[in-house]
Amino acid sequence: MIKAIYEVEKDGSVIARRDSLTWVRLAAPGVYLVCSEAEGEGVLVDGEIYHVRGCALLPGKETVSLDYHEMTETR
């Protein structure tokens, strides 16, 4: 069985590991909406919105990078 994990990195340190991500986009100044990855500009991690490197800038939000790992689970 293969398990996928997303790692959220800020300033070279992993700040979160998740099975899935909650993507958001800026709809109006200060208003963020949950959306699909294709529409996403940032991710929500532990109640905080972060800009994702390579996406449209989000004013006042710190930038993170994402890593995606697939691992084979052994039992």
C-alpha atoms as a PDB file:
ATOM      1  CA  MET A   1       0.000   0.000   0.000  1.00  0.00           C
ATOM      2  CA  ILE A   2       1.277   3.484  -0.856  1.00  0.00           C
ATOM      3  CA  LYS A   3       0.821   6.394   1.538  1.00  0.00           C
ATOM      4  CA  ALA A   4       1.246  10.013   0.422  1.00  0.00           C
ATOM      5  CA  ILE A   5       2.488  12.734   2.747  1.00  0.00           C
ATOM      6  CA  TYR A   6       2.797  16.469   2.150  1.00  0.00           C
ATOM      7  CA  GLU A   7       5.551  18.324   3.999  1.00  0.00           C
ATOM      8  CA  VAL A   8       5.177  22.062   4.524  1.00  0.00           C
ATOM      9  CA  GLU A   9       8.564  23.781   4.902  1.00  0.00           C
ATOM     10  CA  LYS A  10       9.269  27.322   6.105  1.00  0.00           C
ATOM     11  CA  ASP A  11      12.790  28.745   6.245  1.00  0.00           C
ATOM     12  CA  GLY A  12      14.272  25.269   5.710  1.00  0.00           C
ATOM     13  CA  SER A  13      12.342  23.585   8.559  1.00  0.00           C
ATOM     14  CA  VAL A  14       9.343  21.263   8.265  1.00  0.00           C
ATOM     15  CA  ILE A  15       6.432  22.918  10.068  1.00  0.00           C
ATOM     16  CA  ALA A  16       3.777  20.320   9.172  1.00  0.00           C
ATOM     17  CA  ARG A  17       3.216  16.891   7.652  1.00  0.00           C
ATOM     18  CA  ARG A  18      -0.257  16.171   6.300  1.00  0.00           C
ATOM     19  CA  ASP A  19      -2.098  13.463   4.369  1.00  0.00           C
ATOM     20  CA  SER A  20      -3.930  16.255   2.535  1.00  0.00           C
ATOM     21  CA  LEU A  21      -3.788  20.048   2.338  1.00  0.00           C
ATOM     22  CA  THR A  22      -6.470  22.709   2.657  1.00  0.00           C
ATOM     23  CA  TRP A  23      -5.897  25.137  -0.209  1.00  0.00           C
ATOM     24  CA  VAL A  24      -7.071  28.753  -0.130  1.00  0.00           C
ATOM     25  CA  ARG A  25      -7.191  31.709  -2.486  1.00  0.00           C
ATOM     26  CA  LEU A  26      -7.548  35.435  -1.917  1.00  0.00           C
ATOM     27  CA  ALA A  27     -11.066  36.487  -2.976  1.00  0.00           C
ATOM     28  CA  ALA A  28     -10.960  40.112  -1.750  1.00  0.00           C
ATOM     29  CA  PRO A  29      -8.601  42.041   0.516  1.00  0.00           C
ATOM     30  CA  GLY A  30      -8.486  40.000   3.742  1.00  0.00           C
ATOM     31  CA  VAL A  31     -11.022  37.429   2.503  1.00  0.00           C
ATOM     32  CA  TYR A  32      -9.767  33.906   1.784  1.00  0.00           C
ATOM     33  CA  LEU A  33     -11.833  31.066   0.351  1.00  0.00           C
ATOM     34  CA  VAL A  34     -11.171  27.335   0.513  1.00  0.00           C
ATOM     35  CA  CYS A  35     -10.603  26.082  -3.030  1.00  0.00           C
ATOM     36  CA  SER A  36      -9.054  23.335  -5.125  1.00  0.00           C
ATOM     37  CA  GLU A  37      -5.302  22.906  -5.515  1.00  0.00           C
ATOM     38  CA  ALA A  38      -5.579  24.189  -9.102  1.00  0.00           C
ATOM     39  CA  GLU A  39      -7.044  27.509  -7.846  1.00  0.00           C
ATOM     40  CA  GLY A  40      -4.946  27.667  -4.666  1.00  0.00           C
ATOM     41  CA  GLU A  41      -2.505  30.424  -3.771  1.00  0.00           C
ATOM     42  CA  GLY A  42      -1.844  29.291  -0.232  1.00  0.00           C
ATOM     43  CA  VAL A  43      -2.461  26.576   2.325  1.00  0.00           C
ATOM     44  CA  LEU A  44      -4.059  26.550   5.759  1.00  0.00           C
ATOM     45  CA  VAL A  45      -1.866  24.955   8.441  1.00  0.00           C
ATOM     46  CA  ASP A  46      -2.930  24.882  12.099  1.00  0.00           C
ATOM     47  CA  GLY A  47      -5.200  27.905  11.643  1.00  0.00           C
ATOM     48  CA  GLU A  48      -2.572  29.999   9.805  1.00  0.00           C
ATOM     49  CA  ILE A  49      -2.631  30.848   6.086  1.00  0.00           C
ATOM     50  CA  TYR A  50       0.696  30.600   4.250  1.00  0.00           C
ATOM     51  CA  HIS A  51       1.621  31.671   0.720  1.00  0.00           C
ATOM     52  CA  VAL A  52       2.929  28.733  -1.353  1.00  0.00           C
ATOM     53  CA  ARG A  53       6.138  29.388  -3.279  1.00  0.00           C
ATOM     54  CA  GLY A  54       5.367  29.601  -7.005  1.00  0.00           C
ATOM     55  CA  CYS A  55       1.790  30.791  -6.524  1.00  0.00           C
ATOM     56  CA  ALA A  56       0.415  34.336  -6.691  1.00  0.00           C
ATOM     57  CA  LEU A  57       1.662  36.389  -3.744  1.00  0.00           C
ATOM     58  CA  LEU A  58      -0.564  36.750  -0.700  1.00  0.00           C
ATOM     59  CA  PRO A  59      -0.043  40.118   0.998  1.00  0.00           C
ATOM     60  CA  GLY A  60       1.352  39.805   4.517  1.00  0.00           C
ATOM     61  CA  LYS A  61       1.602  36.005   4.481  1.00  0.00           C
ATOM     62  CA  GLU A  62       4.796  34.043   5.044  1.00  0.00           C
ATOM     63  CA  THR A  63       5.982  31.832   2.190  1.00  0.00           C
ATOM     64  CA  VAL A  64       6.298  28.058   2.460  1.00  0.00           C
ATOM     65  CA  SER A  65       7.364  25.359   0.050  1.00  0.00           C
ATOM     66  CA  LEU A  66       5.674  21.996  -0.329  1.00  0.00           C
ATOM     67  CA  ASP A  67       7.145  18.548  -0.747  1.00  0.00           C
ATOM     68  CA  TYR A  68       5.110  15.480  -1.678  1.00  0.00           C
ATOM     69  CA  HIS A  69       6.347  12.029  -0.701  1.00  0.00           C
ATOM     70  CA  GLU A  70       4.918   8.640  -1.597  1.00  0.00           C
ATOM     71  CA  MET A  71       5.940   5.852   0.722  1.00  0.00           C
ATOM     72  CA  THR A  72       5.229   2.166   0.651  1.00  0.00           C
ATOM     73  CA  GLU A  73       3.764   0.988   3.932  1.00  0.00           C
ATOM     74  CA  THR A  74       5.087  -2.285   5.240  1.00  0.00           C
ATOM     75  CA  ARG A  75       3.221  -4.406   7.703  1.00  0.00           C
END
